[in-house]
Each structure stands twice: as structure tokens, then as C-alpha cells.
Amino acid sequence: MDYKKLQNGSDIRGVALEGIEGQSVNLTEEVCRNIGRGFALWLIKKTGKKVNRVAVGRDSRLSGEKLCGWICSAMVEVGLIVTDFKMASTPAMFMSTVTKGYEFDGSVMITASHLPFNRNGFKFFTAEGGLEKGDIKEILEYAESDQKTNLPAGELKDGEFMDTYSKILADKIRAATGEDKPLAGFKIVVDAGNGAGGFYVDKVLKPLGAITDGSRYLEPDGSFPNHIPNPENKEAMESITEAVKETGADLGIIFDTDVDRAGAVLSDGSELNRNRIIAMLAAILLREHPGTTIVTDSITSTGLAKFIEEKGGVHHRFKRGYRNVINESIRLNGLGQDSQLAIETSGHGAFKENFFLDDGAYIVTKLLIELARGKKEGYTLESLIASLEEPKESVEFRMNILLDEFKPYGQQVIDDLNAYAAGKDGWSLAPNNFEGVRVNLDAKHGNGWFLLRLSLHDPLLPLNIESNDEGGAKIIASELAEFIAKYDKLDAKALIDFTK
């Protein structure tokens, strides 16, 4: 087993169940136990302590309980005191390391986010936050070795943390509104997609007085029988939109499987995700922190940048990857440039006020505070983003690179396009671009922009196109297709078909 292949950025992910052709199980008992031992060795080195306390949680995946049993017993065998929180959310597992009365030395979340039912994986935390790529590499190197801790066996305990975590969220809303039941009279529906997010209804919304009738798929079911728990998924967003319209809800909420991402639907049935949710949160934070910098990923729209600037903020467009935007925001703060929010269009959003933890439930909590405040002061959530200019068209193409060693080829395409764009009439390279090549196009050439970048982990060149004109995306795609056609190791069929 090549353990390095299990690394997915700052997470570990693999195949835990049979069921999809061509995908063999690589998160076996032996592998999971070795990963547990590897984390123990890493944590002992990190803390310098012989006795370390670790919390473990899991989402609703079918393989979660089995993987939890393996990694927990392995960590106990090598000297850790392990508490099993059973069903939990990823953000809650981090909070268990910093919440008074808990303060675990480390924590493990068993999840593969929105990936198919057969996948699973591990995320790790200390009180400093989620582990970085280098930490995961070190854990996997320990896992591959035969190194031992040489400590006596630890202990396995049962525990519960979601009640405590939920109360933290509910109390934040109470404190911000000055009311015990600030959501009384509001209809709020949740679609948890059978992931781990169903707790938010009974443990947060109902205690605050909300009417939650019409909420969907709250029961955990790792086969995900209704739709993928993912705010970026079309069927998932259609499901929560339908729930809002059927119930006449004031707000609809949707979580991904492990609740580190969220999306929403407003009372008028409009989706609040991607650029729109970033704009909403930016509007809230720029009232609370005038002039702050909002760090986003690279594919946010021109209209969003204009919106943030008009609200008095600074838009800092950075790289894709939730750890990338979080670390960039932390870096800016370290330089003395206030940055209150790091957020991806995927729904990963991390607030400075909340440990820079990407927490979907915390995003929703901020929206609910604003919903209650708006009722008192006479405004709606919709009104906060009324001035956001949205593109007429937005498309994405994911072009496979047909090579095992794909990165040099992909980078060559990007470098060539960068040089080509610099001399092409009607095209202008976007300033302050940190990823791939981003080009603005004038009215004659599609009136919009495109971004071509190399995927962080996969043999792909994702291409995003936005236009402010009807039919503009096709014009932009057609001009790009002429350039792309000469690269025979790039599968651009979808792009070319779009231009016909």
C-alpha cells in the first residue's frame, strides 16, 4: 500500500466500501489502524506529552462506524485516551479542542465530505486548527513505518459533544439579538441530505422558537437515498428550494455531509450560494468591520468584486482550496491587514471571529442573526444583496489531461495561454491573479472573463467562463476553443461541443 496516495491536500481520503466498479477498497482495517498509530506518533511529537486526549467523531457514511472502531482501538493501543463522540460534524470536532471543559489535545473526524457513499476518510485537528498538508504527509509516513510509541495502552470512552456545540451556536444568536427565542414566528426549513446536519433543527432552531415543519432528510443515512448532501449539487439546491416554496419559509438551509459547508434559499425562492452567499456575508461583516478584506477563491465574479468595493471593503481573490483561502486570510492579518472572512464559492467559509474554522452551521448562524435583526429594523436578507451585479451566463468545463504525469503538461497550456492572451486584441490579463490565467474580455469578444487553472489534485484543467451578455459565453468559448484545439492530450470535447 502506497499511503501517499491517500492524501488529498490536508485530508486523508480513500475507498472504504465495495460497490463502484473499478474502485477497490484501500481504507482496510490494517491501513486505518496504521493511520491511527501514525496520528498518535505525530500528536505525541507535537505536544511533547506522554498522555494525550483525543476525540473522534463521524458523519453518516455507511462505513463510518467500522472505521471509527478501527482507528479508535489503534490509538488506544499506542497510549492515547480516546473519546468516541459518535455522530458529529467536522466543525464540532475542532471545537472540542478549544471549548472549556473539553480541550482535547487532538481530534479526528471520519468523513469524505460530499463524495459518493463508498468513499471515506479522516480529518485531523488540534487547538491550532486543521492540520496542513505537511502534517498529513508526516502522519502517513509514520503509518507506513513500523515505529511504536512504547507507551502503555490508553483508554476508550464514550462521550457526547453535539449538545454543547449546538448550545454555543444558539447562545450566539441569543446574545446578538438580546432575546431568548429570537426566531419565534419564523418558518425555517433544513435539508440535511441524510448527512450529519439534521441536529441543527432540534438542537438550534427549535430552542430558538423557529417553526421547522417541512424540513427534509434529517435522518442520517449514508446511502444518501434522496440527493448528494452538497450545496453545489443541482438536485440538492432544487430540493431545498422546493421545500421553501412549499412551506412559504422565511429561509431554507442546506448542509453538506459533515456540515463544514452550507448554502441557503431566501424567502423569494432565490438561491444563496456561490457568489451570492459571499456577497451576503461580506455585507454583514463590512457593517461590523468597515474596510475589512474578504478573501475568496479564484473563480468569484467581477460583480462580486465590485459589490465588496462599493460596500467599502477589499476583495482579495486568491487560489482554490479552502485551506488556501484560510491561510491567505491569516497571512494578511499577520501583516496588519484586517481580514474577517475567508470563503470559497463551494460554501467553505471561515470567520476570524470563529477561529478561522470553516463551519457551515456558523455561516447559517450569522444569517439567522441577520434575519432576526432585519425583522426588528425593517429590512430583509434579500435587500442586503440587491445591488449585486450577476452575470447573464456562467459555465464551467473540466478538461481531462490524458497523461499520468499531468502537471507539467497542464502548466505548459496555462503558460502558453498567458503569453497568447497578452497579445490578443480585446483580451486583457486580470491584475493580481494568483492562480492559472484569468482574462477579461471586452464587449466585442464576449463581455466577460475566463479563468483556466490546474486542478489541485486531479488531472484536470477546469475552465470557468462568465459573460454579462446573452450568448457571450459561447463567444468566449469559441475564441478559447481555437487556442485549446492544438493540445492533443487535453480532452476539450465538452468545450468544443458548447461552441457549435
Protein backbone atom coordinates (compact mmCIF):
# COMPACT_ATOMS: atom_id res chain seq x y z
CA MET A 1 0.00 0.00 0.00
CA ASP A 2 1.35 3.42 -1.01
CA TYR A 3 -0.03 5.57 1.79
CA LYS A 4 0.87 8.78 -0.04
CA LYS A 5 -1.98 8.08 -2.48
CA LEU A 6 -4.46 8.54 0.37
CA GLN A 7 -3.50 12.18 0.86
CA ASN A 8 -5.99 14.70 -0.51
CA GLY A 9 -4.48 18.05 0.37
CA SER A 10 -4.96 18.48 4.12
CA ASP A 11 -7.26 15.43 4.39
CA ILE A 12 -6.97 11.67 4.01
CA ARG A 13 -9.50 10.09 1.64
CA GLY A 14 -9.96 6.67 0.16
CA VAL A 15 -12.37 3.89 -0.76
CA ALA A 16 -13.99 2.25 2.25
CA LEU A 17 -16.70 0.11 0.62
CA GLU A 18 -17.11 -2.03 -2.48
CA GLY A 19 -19.89 -1.06 -4.84
CA ILE A 20 -18.44 1.10 -7.59
CA GLU A 21 -16.71 -0.66 -10.46
CA GLY A 22 -13.01 -0.01 -10.69
CA GLN A 23 -12.73 1.32 -7.12
CA SER A 24 -11.05 -1.17 -4.81
CA VAL A 25 -11.14 -0.71 -1.05
CA ASN A 26 -7.93 0.87 0.21
CA LEU A 27 -9.14 2.01 3.65
CA THR A 28 -8.75 -1.50 5.04
CA GLU A 29 -8.57 -2.35 8.72
CA GLU A 30 -4.77 -2.52 8.58
CA VAL A 31 -4.50 0.84 6.83
CA CYS A 32 -6.91 2.58 9.22
CA ARG A 33 -5.17 1.18 12.26
CA ASN A 34 -1.80 2.31 10.92
CA ILE A 35 -3.20 5.79 10.28
CA GLY A 36 -4.39 5.88 13.90
CA ARG A 37 -0.92 4.90 15.08
CA GLY A 38 0.58 7.50 12.74
CA PHE A 39 -1.61 10.25 14.18
CA ALA A 40 -0.70 9.19 17.71
CA LEU A 41 3.02 9.40 16.91
CA TRP A 42 2.54 12.79 15.25
CA LEU A 43 0.48 14.15 18.17
CA ILE A 44 2.91 12.96 20.82
CA LYS A 45 5.73 14.67 18.94
CA LYS A 46 3.59 17.81 18.52
CA THR A 47 2.53 18.17 22.15
CA GLY A 48 5.58 16.71 23.87
CA LYS A 49 3.17 14.94 26.26
CA LYS A 50 3.06 11.24 27.02
CA VAL A 51 -0.65 11.27 27.82
CA ASN A 52 -2.80 12.80 25.08
CA ARG A 53 -6.59 13.01 24.95
CA VAL A 54 -8.23 12.66 21.54
CA ALA A 55 -11.88 12.97 20.45
CA VAL A 56 -13.27 11.09 17.46
CA GLY A 57 -16.47 11.74 15.50
CA ARG A 58 -18.04 10.61 12.23
CA ASP A 59 -20.68 11.64 9.73
CA SER A 60 -23.47 9.40 8.45
CA ARG A 61 -21.44 7.34 5.99
CA LEU A 62 -22.16 3.60 5.95
CA SER A 63 -18.52 2.78 6.67
CA GLY A 64 -18.13 5.37 9.44
CA GLU A 65 -18.81 3.17 12.46
CA LYS A 66 -16.41 0.48 11.24
CA LEU A 67 -13.59 2.94 10.51
CA CYS A 68 -14.21 4.62 13.85
CA GLY A 69 -13.81 1.33 15.68
CA TRP A 70 -10.54 0.58 13.90
CA ILE A 71 -8.86 3.95 14.39
CA CYS A 72 -10.06 4.32 17.99
CA SER A 73 -8.75 0.92 19.08
CA ALA A 74 -5.43 1.55 17.31
CA MET A 75 -4.93 4.87 19.10
CA VAL A 76 -5.83 3.33 22.45
CA GLU A 77 -3.33 0.52 21.90
CA VAL A 78 -0.49 3.03 21.45
CA GLY A 79 -1.31 5.07 24.55
CA LEU A 80 -3.98 7.69 23.74
CA ILE A 81 -7.07 8.34 25.82
CA VAL A 82 -9.81 8.34 23.18
CA THR A 83 -13.38 9.61 23.50
CA ASP A 84 -15.88 8.48 20.85
CA PHE A 85 -18.46 11.21 20.13
CA LYS A 86 -20.18 9.03 17.50
CA MET A 87 -22.29 11.14 15.06
CA ALA A 88 -20.85 14.64 14.86
CA SER A 89 -19.95 17.44 12.46
CA THR A 90 -16.46 18.34 11.32
CA PRO A 91 -16.56 21.85 12.88
CA ALA A 92 -17.73 20.37 16.19
CA MET A 93 -14.70 18.11 16.27
CA PHE A 94 -12.40 21.12 16.06
CA MET A 95 -14.44 22.93 18.72
CA SER A 96 -13.85 20.01 21.09
CA THR A 97 -10.19 21.07 21.22
CA VAL A 98 -10.91 24.67 22.31
CA THR A 99 -14.16 24.50 24.30
CA LYS A 100 -13.78 24.94 28.04
CA GLY A 101 -14.26 21.69 29.88
CA TYR A 102 -13.24 19.58 26.87
CA GLU A 103 -9.97 20.94 25.42
CA PHE A 104 -8.81 17.72 23.79
CA ASP A 105 -5.20 17.59 22.60
CA GLY A 106 -6.39 16.49 19.18
CA SER A 107 -9.47 15.28 17.34
CA VAL A 108 -10.34 13.12 14.35
CA MET A 109 -13.34 13.44 12.05
CA ILE A 110 -14.24 10.49 9.86
CA THR A 111 -15.72 11.91 6.65
CA ALA A 112 -15.26 12.26 2.90
CA SER A 113 -17.46 15.36 2.64
CA HIS A 114 -19.81 15.12 -0.37
CA LEU A 115 -18.07 12.23 -2.14
CA PRO A 116 -20.03 9.07 -3.09
CA PHE A 117 -21.25 6.57 -0.48
CA ASN A 118 -18.29 4.20 -0.91
CA ARG A 119 -15.68 6.81 -0.01
CA ASN A 120 -14.50 7.90 3.44
CA GLY A 121 -11.52 9.49 5.10
CA PHE A 122 -10.05 11.36 8.05
CA LYS A 123 -9.64 15.00 9.04
CA PHE A 124 -7.44 15.94 11.99
CA PHE A 125 -7.43 18.93 14.33
CA THR A 126 -5.56 20.45 17.23
CA ALA A 127 -6.42 23.67 19.04
CA GLU A 128 -4.40 25.47 16.35
CA GLY A 129 -6.89 24.36 13.69
CA GLY A 130 -6.98 21.79 10.92
CA LEU A 131 -3.74 20.08 10.02
CA GLU A 132 -1.77 21.25 6.98
CA LYS A 133 -0.56 19.23 4.00
CA GLY A 134 2.86 18.70 5.56
CA ASP A 135 1.29 17.32 8.74
CA ILE A 136 -0.77 14.79 6.78
CA LYS A 137 2.34 13.74 4.86
CA GLU A 138 4.14 13.13 8.16
CA ILE A 139 1.21 11.13 9.61
CA LEU A 140 1.16 8.90 6.53
CA GLU A 141 4.92 8.40 6.72
CA TYR A 142 4.52 7.27 10.34
CA ALA A 143 1.67 4.98 9.23
CA GLU A 144 3.93 3.32 6.64
CA SER A 145 6.70 2.81 9.18
CA ASP A 146 6.82 0.26 11.98
CA GLN A 147 7.54 2.90 14.63
CA LYS A 148 5.80 2.47 18.00
CA THR A 149 5.07 4.87 20.87
CA ASN A 150 6.32 2.37 23.51
CA LEU A 151 3.58 3.62 25.84
CA PRO A 152 1.14 1.53 27.88
CA ALA A 153 -2.35 1.19 26.45
CA GLY A 154 -4.69 4.12 26.90
CA GLU A 155 -8.46 4.08 27.35
CA LEU A 156 -11.60 4.28 25.19
CA LYS A 157 -14.55 6.31 26.48
CA ASP A 158 -17.99 7.19 25.17
CA GLY A 159 -18.83 10.88 25.02
CA GLU A 160 -21.23 13.50 23.65
CA PHE A 161 -20.43 16.94 22.33
CA MET A 162 -23.11 17.98 19.83
CA ASP A 163 -25.40 19.30 22.59
CA THR A 164 -22.61 21.55 23.83
CA TYR A 165 -21.64 22.68 20.34
CA SER A 166 -25.27 23.39 19.41
CA LYS A 167 -25.75 25.46 22.55
CA ILE A 168 -22.72 27.57 21.60
CA LEU A 169 -24.44 28.41 18.30
CA ALA A 170 -27.86 29.04 19.84
CA ASP A 171 -26.39 31.22 22.57
CA LYS A 172 -24.56 33.30 19.98
CA ILE A 173 -27.88 34.10 18.30
CA ARG A 174 -29.46 34.90 21.67
CA ALA A 175 -26.58 37.20 22.63
CA ALA A 176 -26.65 39.04 19.28
CA THR A 177 -30.41 39.61 19.36
CA GLY A 178 -30.95 40.05 23.10
CA GLU A 179 -33.84 37.59 23.04
CA ASP A 180 -34.34 34.08 24.40
CA LYS A 181 -36.41 32.98 21.38
CA PRO A 182 -35.38 35.37 18.61
CA LEU A 183 -36.67 33.09 15.84
CA ALA A 184 -40.22 32.85 17.17
CA GLY A 185 -42.67 33.16 14.27
CA PHE A 186 -40.07 32.45 11.59
CA LYS A 187 -40.53 29.44 9.32
CA ILE A 188 -37.12 27.90 8.66
CA VAL A 189 -36.61 24.61 6.82
CA VAL A 190 -33.47 22.50 6.68
CA ASP A 191 -32.38 19.90 4.13
CA ALA A 192 -29.59 17.81 5.66
CA GLY A 193 -29.46 15.38 2.73
CA ASN A 194 -29.27 12.48 5.25
CA GLY A 195 -25.85 13.71 6.35
CA ALA A 196 -24.84 14.82 9.84
CA GLY A 197 -26.59 18.22 9.74
CA GLY A 198 -30.03 17.21 10.98
CA PHE A 199 -29.07 18.20 14.55
CA TYR A 200 -29.48 21.87 13.64
CA VAL A 201 -33.27 21.59 13.64
CA ASP A 202 -33.81 20.09 17.10
CA LYS A 203 -30.76 21.48 18.86
CA VAL A 204 -30.59 25.06 17.48
CA LEU A 205 -33.68 26.18 15.57
CA LYS A 206 -36.46 24.79 17.75
CA PRO A 207 -34.98 26.00 21.06
CA LEU A 208 -34.84 29.48 19.50
CA GLY A 209 -38.55 29.33 18.62
CA ALA A 210 -38.40 28.61 14.88
CA ILE A 211 -41.12 26.69 13.05
CA THR A 212 -39.29 23.92 11.18
CA ASP A 213 -42.18 21.92 9.66
CA GLY A 214 -41.31 20.85 6.11
CA SER A 215 -37.62 20.20 6.81
CA ARG A 216 -36.22 17.31 4.80
CA TYR A 217 -33.90 14.33 5.07
CA LEU A 218 -32.78 14.98 8.63
CA GLU A 219 -32.23 11.31 9.48
CA PRO A 220 -28.64 10.13 8.92
CA ASP A 221 -28.39 7.63 6.06
CA GLY A 222 -25.02 7.04 4.46
CA SER A 223 -26.52 5.64 1.27
CA PHE A 224 -27.77 9.20 0.57
CA PRO A 225 -31.06 7.97 -0.94
CA ASN A 226 -32.51 11.39 -1.79
CA HIS A 227 -29.66 13.50 -3.13
CA ILE A 228 -25.98 14.19 -2.54
CA PRO A 229 -25.56 16.41 0.55
CA ASN A 230 -23.79 19.24 -1.25
CA PRO A 231 -24.79 22.91 -1.66
CA GLU A 232 -23.10 22.88 -5.08
CA ASN A 233 -25.24 19.99 -6.33
CA LYS A 234 -28.14 20.97 -8.62
CA GLU A 235 -30.57 18.36 -7.25
CA ALA A 236 -29.74 19.32 -3.67
CA MET A 237 -30.44 23.01 -4.31
CA GLU A 238 -33.66 22.14 -6.16
CA SER A 239 -34.75 20.10 -3.14
CA ILE A 240 -34.31 22.89 -0.58
CA THR A 241 -35.81 25.44 -2.99
CA GLU A 242 -38.88 23.22 -3.35
CA ALA A 243 -39.15 22.95 0.45
CA VAL A 244 -39.05 26.74 0.83
CA LYS A 245 -41.74 27.26 -1.79
CA GLU A 246 -44.00 24.51 -0.44
CA THR A 247 -43.88 25.80 3.14
CA GLY A 248 -43.64 29.53 2.49
CA ALA A 249 -40.50 29.53 4.60
CA ASP A 250 -38.58 32.65 5.54
CA LEU A 251 -35.31 30.79 4.93
CA GLY A 252 -34.14 27.41 3.68
CA ILE A 253 -30.85 25.87 4.82
CA ILE A 254 -28.80 23.11 3.22
CA PHE A 255 -25.66 21.46 4.60
CA ASP A 256 -23.08 19.18 3.11
CA THR A 257 -22.46 15.76 4.66
CA ASP A 258 -20.17 16.83 7.51
CA VAL A 259 -21.56 20.38 7.91
CA ASP A 260 -18.41 22.34 7.15
CA ARG A 261 -20.27 23.91 4.18
CA ALA A 262 -23.70 25.44 3.79
CA GLY A 263 -26.00 27.10 1.30
CA ALA A 264 -29.40 28.72 1.66
CA VAL A 265 -32.56 29.71 -0.18
CA LEU A 266 -34.25 33.05 0.51
CA SER A 267 -37.97 33.52 1.02
CA ASP A 268 -38.45 34.53 -2.63
CA GLY A 269 -37.03 31.17 -3.76
CA SER A 270 -33.68 32.54 -4.91
CA GLU A 271 -30.58 30.51 -4.17
CA LEU A 272 -27.99 31.83 -1.75
CA ASN A 273 -24.79 30.08 -2.73
CA ARG A 274 -21.54 30.73 -4.60
CA ASN A 275 -21.10 34.50 -5.27
CA ARG A 276 -24.42 35.37 -3.63
CA ILE A 277 -23.66 33.89 -0.21
CA ILE A 278 -20.21 35.51 -0.27
CA ALA A 279 -21.86 38.86 -1.02
CA MET A 280 -24.37 38.39 1.80
CA LEU A 281 -21.72 37.56 4.38
CA ALA A 282 -19.48 40.36 3.10
CA ALA A 283 -22.33 42.87 3.53
CA ILE A 284 -22.85 41.72 7.12
CA LEU A 285 -19.17 41.80 8.02
CA LEU A 286 -18.49 45.14 6.34
CA ARG A 287 -21.13 46.71 8.55
CA GLU A 288 -19.49 45.15 11.61
CA HIS A 289 -15.89 45.70 10.41
CA PRO A 290 -15.72 48.59 7.91
CA GLY A 291 -12.90 48.26 5.38
CA THR A 292 -12.13 44.62 6.09
CA THR A 293 -10.66 42.33 3.42
CA ILE A 294 -12.71 39.42 2.10
CA VAL A 295 -10.50 36.61 0.78
CA THR A 296 -12.15 34.39 -1.84
CA ASP A 297 -11.13 31.68 -4.25
CA SER A 298 -10.14 32.43 -7.82
CA ILE A 299 -13.45 31.89 -9.63
CA THR A 300 -15.54 34.60 -7.97
CA SER A 301 -17.27 37.02 -10.32
CA THR A 302 -16.43 40.55 -11.39
CA GLY A 303 -19.77 41.65 -9.97
CA LEU A 304 -18.85 40.33 -6.52
CA ALA A 305 -15.58 42.28 -6.56
CA LYS A 306 -17.49 45.46 -7.45
CA PHE A 307 -20.08 44.77 -4.73
CA ILE A 308 -17.45 44.37 -2.00
CA GLU A 309 -15.63 47.51 -3.09
CA GLU A 310 -18.87 49.54 -3.18
CA LYS A 311 -19.58 48.37 0.39
CA GLY A 312 -16.21 49.78 1.42
CA GLY A 313 -14.34 46.50 1.59
CA VAL A 314 -11.31 44.98 -0.12
CA HIS A 315 -11.78 41.91 -2.31
CA HIS A 316 -8.70 39.68 -2.35
CA ARG A 317 -9.18 36.94 -4.95
CA PHE A 318 -6.80 34.04 -4.22
CA LYS A 319 -6.45 30.33 -5.06
CA ARG A 320 -8.97 27.50 -4.98
CA GLY A 321 -8.85 25.25 -1.92
CA TYR A 322 -10.38 26.07 1.45
CA ARG A 323 -7.06 25.81 3.26
CA ASN A 324 -5.53 28.18 0.71
CA VAL A 325 -8.07 30.96 1.30
CA ILE A 326 -8.00 30.47 5.08
CA ASN A 327 -4.21 30.57 5.25
CA GLU A 328 -4.12 33.64 2.99
CA SER A 329 -6.56 35.47 5.26
CA ILE A 330 -4.49 34.52 8.30
CA ARG A 331 -1.36 35.72 6.48
CA LEU A 332 -2.94 39.10 5.70
CA ASN A 333 -3.99 39.54 9.31
CA GLY A 334 -0.43 38.77 10.35
CA LEU A 335 0.73 41.61 8.12
CA GLY A 336 -1.68 44.00 9.82
CA GLN A 337 -4.38 43.93 7.09
CA ASP A 338 -7.68 43.11 8.75
CA SER A 339 -9.42 40.17 7.05
CA GLN A 340 -12.57 38.91 8.71
CA LEU A 341 -13.64 36.27 6.20
CA ALA A 342 -12.03 33.61 4.02
CA ILE A 343 -14.54 31.86 1.77
CA GLU A 344 -14.74 29.64 -1.30
CA THR A 345 -17.60 29.61 -3.79
CA SER A 346 -18.10 25.97 -2.72
CA GLY A 347 -19.57 27.18 0.59
CA HIS A 348 -16.45 26.73 2.74
CA GLY A 349 -16.45 29.91 4.85
CA ALA A 350 -14.18 30.72 7.80
CA PHE A 351 -14.55 33.76 10.07
CA LYS A 352 -11.77 35.41 12.02
CA GLU A 353 -14.16 35.67 14.97
CA ASN A 354 -14.61 31.87 14.92
CA PHE A 355 -11.03 30.53 14.94
CA PHE A 356 -10.91 30.68 11.10
CA LEU A 357 -12.89 27.44 11.21
CA ASP A 358 -14.80 26.59 8.04
CA ASP A 359 -18.18 25.86 9.61
CA GLY A 360 -21.41 25.67 7.64
CA ALA A 361 -23.51 25.83 10.80
CA TYR A 362 -21.73 29.04 11.84
CA ILE A 363 -22.44 30.60 8.44
CA VAL A 364 -26.12 29.80 8.93
CA THR A 365 -25.98 31.20 12.46
CA LYS A 366 -24.74 34.53 11.06
CA LEU A 367 -27.63 34.53 8.55
CA LEU A 368 -30.17 33.84 11.29
CA ILE A 369 -28.89 36.73 13.39
CA GLU A 370 -29.36 38.96 10.39
CA LEU A 371 -32.82 37.54 9.68
CA ALA A 372 -33.97 38.37 13.22
CA ARG A 373 -32.29 41.78 13.18
CA GLY A 374 -33.88 42.64 9.85
CA LYS A 375 -37.36 41.95 11.19
CA LYS A 376 -36.76 44.42 14.02
CA GLU A 377 -35.18 47.10 11.85
CA GLY A 378 -37.36 46.73 8.77
CA TYR A 379 -35.14 45.11 6.14
CA THR A 380 -34.85 41.66 4.55
CA LEU A 381 -31.97 39.39 3.73
CA GLU A 382 -32.78 39.88 0.06
CA SER A 383 -32.22 43.62 0.37
CA LEU A 384 -28.62 43.13 1.52
CA ILE A 385 -27.53 41.90 -1.91
CA ALA A 386 -29.97 43.83 -4.09
CA SER A 387 -27.10 45.76 -5.71
CA LEU A 388 -25.05 42.65 -6.56
CA GLU A 389 -24.50 42.54 -10.33
CA GLU A 390 -24.74 38.95 -11.52
CA PRO A 391 -23.55 37.60 -14.86
CA LYS A 392 -26.03 36.71 -17.57
CA GLU A 393 -24.20 33.44 -18.20
CA SER A 394 -21.82 31.26 -16.23
CA VAL A 395 -20.39 27.91 -17.36
CA GLU A 396 -17.64 25.55 -16.26
CA PHE A 397 -15.75 22.92 -18.26
CA ARG A 398 -13.49 20.32 -16.66
CA MET A 399 -10.99 19.19 -19.30
CA ASN A 400 -9.15 15.94 -18.58
CA ILE A 401 -5.40 15.81 -19.17
CA LEU A 402 -4.73 12.42 -20.76
CA LEU A 403 -1.34 11.80 -19.17
CA ASP A 404 -0.15 10.13 -15.95
CA GLU A 405 2.34 12.94 -15.35
CA PHE A 406 -0.22 15.65 -15.99
CA LYS A 407 1.08 18.68 -14.11
CA PRO A 408 3.90 19.74 -16.49
CA TYR A 409 1.57 19.47 -19.49
CA GLY A 410 -1.21 21.39 -17.76
CA GLN A 411 1.16 24.12 -16.65
CA GLN A 412 2.51 24.42 -20.21
CA VAL A 413 -1.02 25.02 -21.53
CA ILE A 414 -1.52 27.74 -18.92
CA ASP A 415 1.84 29.38 -19.67
CA ASP A 416 1.15 29.33 -23.41
CA LEU A 417 -2.32 30.82 -22.91
CA ASN A 418 -0.91 33.53 -20.68
CA ALA A 419 1.53 34.57 -23.44
CA TYR A 420 -1.19 34.30 -26.11
CA ALA A 421 -3.66 36.41 -24.11
CA ALA A 422 -1.11 39.17 -23.56
CA GLY A 423 -1.02 39.91 -27.29
CA LYS A 424 -4.61 39.21 -28.33
CA ASP A 425 -6.91 42.07 -29.27
CA GLY A 426 -9.83 42.53 -26.89
CA TRP A 427 -8.26 40.35 -24.19
CA SER A 428 -6.52 41.70 -21.07
CA LEU A 429 -4.83 39.75 -18.32
CA ALA A 430 -6.50 40.33 -14.95
CA PRO A 431 -4.23 42.04 -12.41
CA ASN A 432 -3.38 40.44 -9.06
CA ASN A 433 -4.22 36.93 -10.22
CA PHE A 434 -2.80 34.14 -8.07
CA GLU A 435 -3.93 31.03 -9.93
CA GLY A 436 -3.83 29.91 -13.56
CA VAL A 437 -4.59 32.57 -16.13
CA ARG A 438 -7.56 34.93 -15.79
CA VAL A 439 -8.51 37.11 -18.76
CA ASN A 440 -11.04 39.93 -19.09
CA LEU A 441 -12.73 40.29 -22.50
CA ASP A 442 -14.24 43.44 -23.99
CA ALA A 443 -17.74 43.82 -25.47
CA LYS A 444 -16.68 42.55 -28.93
CA HIS A 445 -15.18 39.39 -27.52
CA GLY A 446 -17.91 38.20 -25.13
CA ASN A 447 -18.04 40.93 -22.46
CA GLY A 448 -16.86 38.84 -19.55
CA TRP A 449 -13.93 36.81 -18.29
CA PHE A 450 -12.47 33.32 -18.16
CA LEU A 451 -10.14 31.52 -15.81
CA LEU A 452 -8.12 28.45 -16.76
CA ARG A 453 -6.37 26.73 -13.89
CA LEU A 454 -4.77 23.42 -12.99
CA SER A 455 -6.76 21.30 -10.53
CA LEU A 456 -5.19 20.96 -7.09
CA HIS A 457 -5.20 17.15 -7.11
CA ASP A 458 -6.71 15.74 -10.30
CA PRO A 459 -5.52 15.54 -13.95
CA LEU A 460 -7.85 18.37 -14.94
CA LEU A 461 -7.79 21.87 -16.35
CA PRO A 462 -11.01 23.47 -15.08
CA LEU A 463 -12.21 26.39 -17.22
CA ASN A 464 -14.70 28.93 -15.86
CA ILE A 465 -16.41 31.42 -18.16
CA GLU A 466 -18.76 34.27 -17.26
CA SER A 467 -20.39 36.83 -19.53
CA ASN A 468 -22.58 39.86 -18.97
CA ASP A 469 -24.32 39.28 -22.33
CA GLU A 470 -26.75 36.63 -23.54
CA GLY A 471 -24.69 34.41 -25.83
CA GLY A 472 -21.46 35.92 -24.60
CA ALA A 473 -20.21 32.70 -23.01
CA LYS A 474 -20.37 30.97 -26.39
CA ILE A 475 -18.33 33.75 -27.99
CA ILE A 476 -15.66 33.45 -25.30
CA ALA A 477 -15.66 29.65 -25.53
CA SER A 478 -15.31 29.79 -29.32
CA GLU A 479 -12.23 32.01 -29.14
CA LEU A 480 -10.71 29.75 -26.50
CA ALA A 481 -11.51 26.59 -28.44
CA GLU A 482 -9.33 27.79 -31.31
CA PHE A 483 -6.38 28.00 -28.91
CA ILE A 484 -7.15 24.78 -27.00
CA ALA A 485 -7.60 22.61 -30.12
CA LYS A 486 -3.86 22.23 -30.70
CA TYR A 487 -3.31 20.36 -27.40
CA ASP A 488 -3.93 16.71 -28.24
CA LYS A 489 -3.51 15.46 -24.66
CA LEU A 490 -6.37 17.67 -23.45
CA ASP A 491 -9.94 16.39 -23.69
CA ALA A 492 -11.79 19.55 -24.73
CA LYS A 493 -14.81 17.85 -26.31
CA ALA A 494 -17.35 19.49 -23.96
CA LEU A 495 -15.92 22.94 -24.70
CA ILE A 496 -15.93 22.37 -28.45
CA ASP A 497 -19.48 20.96 -28.39
CA PHE A 498 -20.63 24.04 -26.48
CA THR A 499 -19.43 26.29 -29.29
CA LYS A 500 -21.43 24.53 -32.02
